[in-house]
Structure formats: C-alpha cells, structure tokens
C-alpha cells in the first residue's frame, strides 16, 4: 500500500513516514504542500493520502477539493491529519468527503493501524 503524506511540517512527515514504512510496511510518498501533493498524487496514484488541515497556501480543505476535481485523483481516499480536536471541526472535515480524521499528536506505533481502520475494506488489507 502506498500512502502520500501532505504536510508542511517536515518533522510530522518524517515521523509519520517512518511509522507507516517501518511499522506498517507501507510505501510512503511526501509533499510539503497542497500543490506539490496534487502533482504527486496525479503522477504516482497513491492508495491513500494523509492530509494536514492547516497549511500555508492551499490548506487541507482546498487541497481536498482540488484532488476531488481531478479525474486522476477524485477517488483516492483522504484522511485528514490535524491538531483540531473540536467535534464540530472534525465533523466538518468528514463532511468535506474525507475517509476519516486522525488527531495530532498521533501515536507512531499505531498510526499504520489507525490509517488502515479508516480505509475501505478492500484497500485496508493491501
């Protein structure tokens, strides 16, 4: 399974990437922002995307809307990765079409399982 992490924080990308690759045996792609993430998603066709909500330039909701507007990326499951823990915010992110929401700080030991739990059944087992 290939996961694209789109987050402007290099430390988050590093920790999440290490967790997903070493603990979860997933292939990891990284992007530092929405525009770069869209390009990588279009070119590499990851199985799922972990998307930061608060980023400069294109924020997570704008990036998700742009991903959904492109034929090549419209159906890739997106999981928001955010520090926003208010229930109304979490529900708003789900309403945007996200497969789920994971809260920062996340547990690196369980991140891969947490991601798999939010993905469609056929994809989660890959």
Protein backbone atom coordinates (compact mmCIF):
# COMPACT_ATOMS: atom_id res chain seq x y z
CA UNK A 1 0.00 0.00 0.00
CA UNK A 2 1.29 3.47 -0.91
CA UNK A 3 0.45 6.48 1.26
CA UNK A 4 1.09 10.11 0.33
CA UNK A 5 1.67 12.42 3.30
CA UNK A 6 0.90 16.07 2.55
CA UNK A 7 2.03 18.24 5.47
CA UNK A 8 4.04 21.46 5.65
CA UNK A 9 5.81 20.26 8.84
CA UNK A 10 8.92 18.24 7.92
CA UNK A 11 9.03 16.63 11.38
CA UNK A 12 5.46 15.34 11.03
CA UNK A 13 6.25 13.96 7.55
CA UNK A 14 9.36 12.27 8.91
CA UNK A 15 7.70 10.68 11.97
CA UNK A 16 4.57 9.63 10.06
CA UNK A 17 6.67 8.32 7.20
CA UNK A 18 8.90 6.27 9.49
CA UNK A 19 5.86 4.91 11.31
CA UNK A 20 3.99 3.94 8.15
CA UNK A 21 7.01 2.43 6.42
CA UNK A 22 8.74 0.66 9.30
CA UNK A 23 5.80 -0.32 11.49
CA UNK A 24 3.16 -0.54 8.78
CA UNK A 25 5.26 -1.83 5.87
CA UNK A 26 3.77 0.82 3.59
CA UNK A 27 5.45 2.74 0.78
CA UNK A 28 5.47 6.43 1.66
CA UNK A 29 5.49 9.49 -0.59
CA UNK A 30 5.82 13.01 0.82
CA UNK A 31 4.76 16.51 -0.16
CA UNK A 32 5.34 19.77 1.72
CA UNK A 33 2.18 21.47 0.45
CA UNK A 34 -1.09 21.15 -1.41
CA UNK A 35 0.12 21.96 -4.93
CA UNK A 36 3.07 19.56 -4.65
CA UNK A 37 0.78 16.92 -3.15
CA UNK A 38 -1.68 17.24 -6.02
CA UNK A 39 1.11 16.77 -8.55
CA UNK A 40 2.49 13.70 -6.76
CA UNK A 41 -1.00 12.23 -6.32
CA UNK A 42 -1.71 12.66 -10.03
CA UNK A 43 1.64 11.16 -11.09
CA UNK A 44 2.04 8.37 -8.51
CA UNK A 45 -1.60 7.36 -7.80
CA UNK A 46 -1.17 6.52 -4.08
CA UNK A 47 -3.67 4.21 -2.41
CA UNK A 48 -4.50 6.87 0.19
CA UNK A 49 -3.48 10.36 1.30
CA UNK A 50 -2.78 11.72 4.80
CA UNK A 51 -3.54 15.43 4.51
CA UNK A 52 -2.73 18.18 7.00
CA UNK A 53 -5.61 20.58 7.50
CA UNK A 54 -3.66 23.75 8.35
CA UNK A 55 -1.01 24.60 5.75
CA UNK A 56 0.10 27.87 4.16
CA UNK A 57 -1.06 28.46 0.60
CA UNK A 58 -3.55 25.69 -0.09
CA UNK A 59 -4.98 24.42 3.18
CA UNK A 60 -6.31 20.89 3.59
CA UNK A 61 -9.88 21.65 2.56
CA UNK A 62 -8.72 23.46 -0.60
CA UNK A 63 -6.34 20.61 -1.41
CA UNK A 64 -9.07 18.01 -0.94
CA UNK A 65 -11.43 19.98 -3.19
CA UNK A 66 -8.73 20.22 -5.86
CA UNK A 67 -7.98 16.48 -5.59
CA UNK A 68 -11.69 15.67 -5.99
CA UNK A 69 -11.91 17.95 -9.05
CA UNK A 70 -9.24 15.98 -10.97
CA UNK A 71 -10.31 12.75 -12.64
CA UNK A 72 -6.99 11.05 -11.79
CA UNK A 73 -7.27 11.74 -8.04
CA UNK A 74 -11.00 12.04 -7.43
CA UNK A 75 -11.43 8.65 -5.77
CA UNK A 76 -8.23 8.40 -3.70
CA UNK A 77 -9.24 8.12 -0.03
CA UNK A 78 -8.07 11.12 2.01
CA UNK A 79 -7.58 11.13 5.77
CA UNK A 80 -7.13 14.48 7.45
CA UNK A 81 -4.28 14.73 9.94
CA UNK A 82 -4.97 17.70 12.21
CA UNK A 83 -4.50 19.27 15.62
CA UNK A 84 -8.12 20.50 15.55
CA UNK A 85 -9.95 18.40 18.11
CA UNK A 86 -13.25 20.26 18.41
CA UNK A 87 -16.02 17.82 17.41
CA UNK A 88 -17.68 20.34 15.07
CA UNK A 89 -14.40 20.78 13.19
CA UNK A 90 -13.88 17.01 12.93
CA UNK A 91 -17.43 16.59 11.59
CA UNK A 92 -16.85 19.42 9.09
CA UNK A 93 -13.74 17.66 7.78
CA UNK A 94 -15.67 14.41 7.35
CA UNK A 95 -18.44 16.32 5.57
CA UNK A 96 -15.86 17.55 3.04
CA UNK A 97 -15.52 13.94 1.90
CA UNK A 98 -12.60 12.69 3.97
CA UNK A 99 -12.40 8.97 4.75
CA UNK A 100 -11.61 9.98 8.31
CA UNK A 101 -9.74 12.29 10.65
CA UNK A 102 -6.67 11.49 12.76
CA UNK A 103 -5.65 13.87 15.52
CA UNK A 104 -2.14 15.22 16.08
CA UNK A 105 -0.15 14.28 18.00
CA UNK A 106 -0.64 10.74 16.75
CA UNK A 107 0.88 7.57 18.18
CA UNK A 108 3.63 6.43 15.79
CA UNK A 109 3.22 2.82 16.99
CA UNK A 110 -0.45 2.70 15.97
CA UNK A 111 -0.57 5.12 13.04
CA UNK A 112 -0.50 2.42 10.34
CA UNK A 113 -3.35 0.51 12.02
CA UNK A 114 -5.27 3.76 12.56
CA UNK A 115 -4.93 4.58 8.84
CA UNK A 116 -5.98 1.08 7.77
CA UNK A 117 -9.03 1.25 10.05
CA UNK A 118 -10.29 4.32 8.17
CA UNK A 119 -9.82 2.94 4.67
CA UNK A 120 -12.31 0.93 2.61
CA UNK A 121 -12.18 -2.80 3.42
CA UNK A 122 -10.55 -3.94 0.18
CA UNK A 123 -7.82 -1.33 0.40
CA UNK A 124 -7.00 -1.65 4.10
CA UNK A 125 -5.70 -5.18 3.73
CA UNK A 126 -3.24 -4.41 0.91
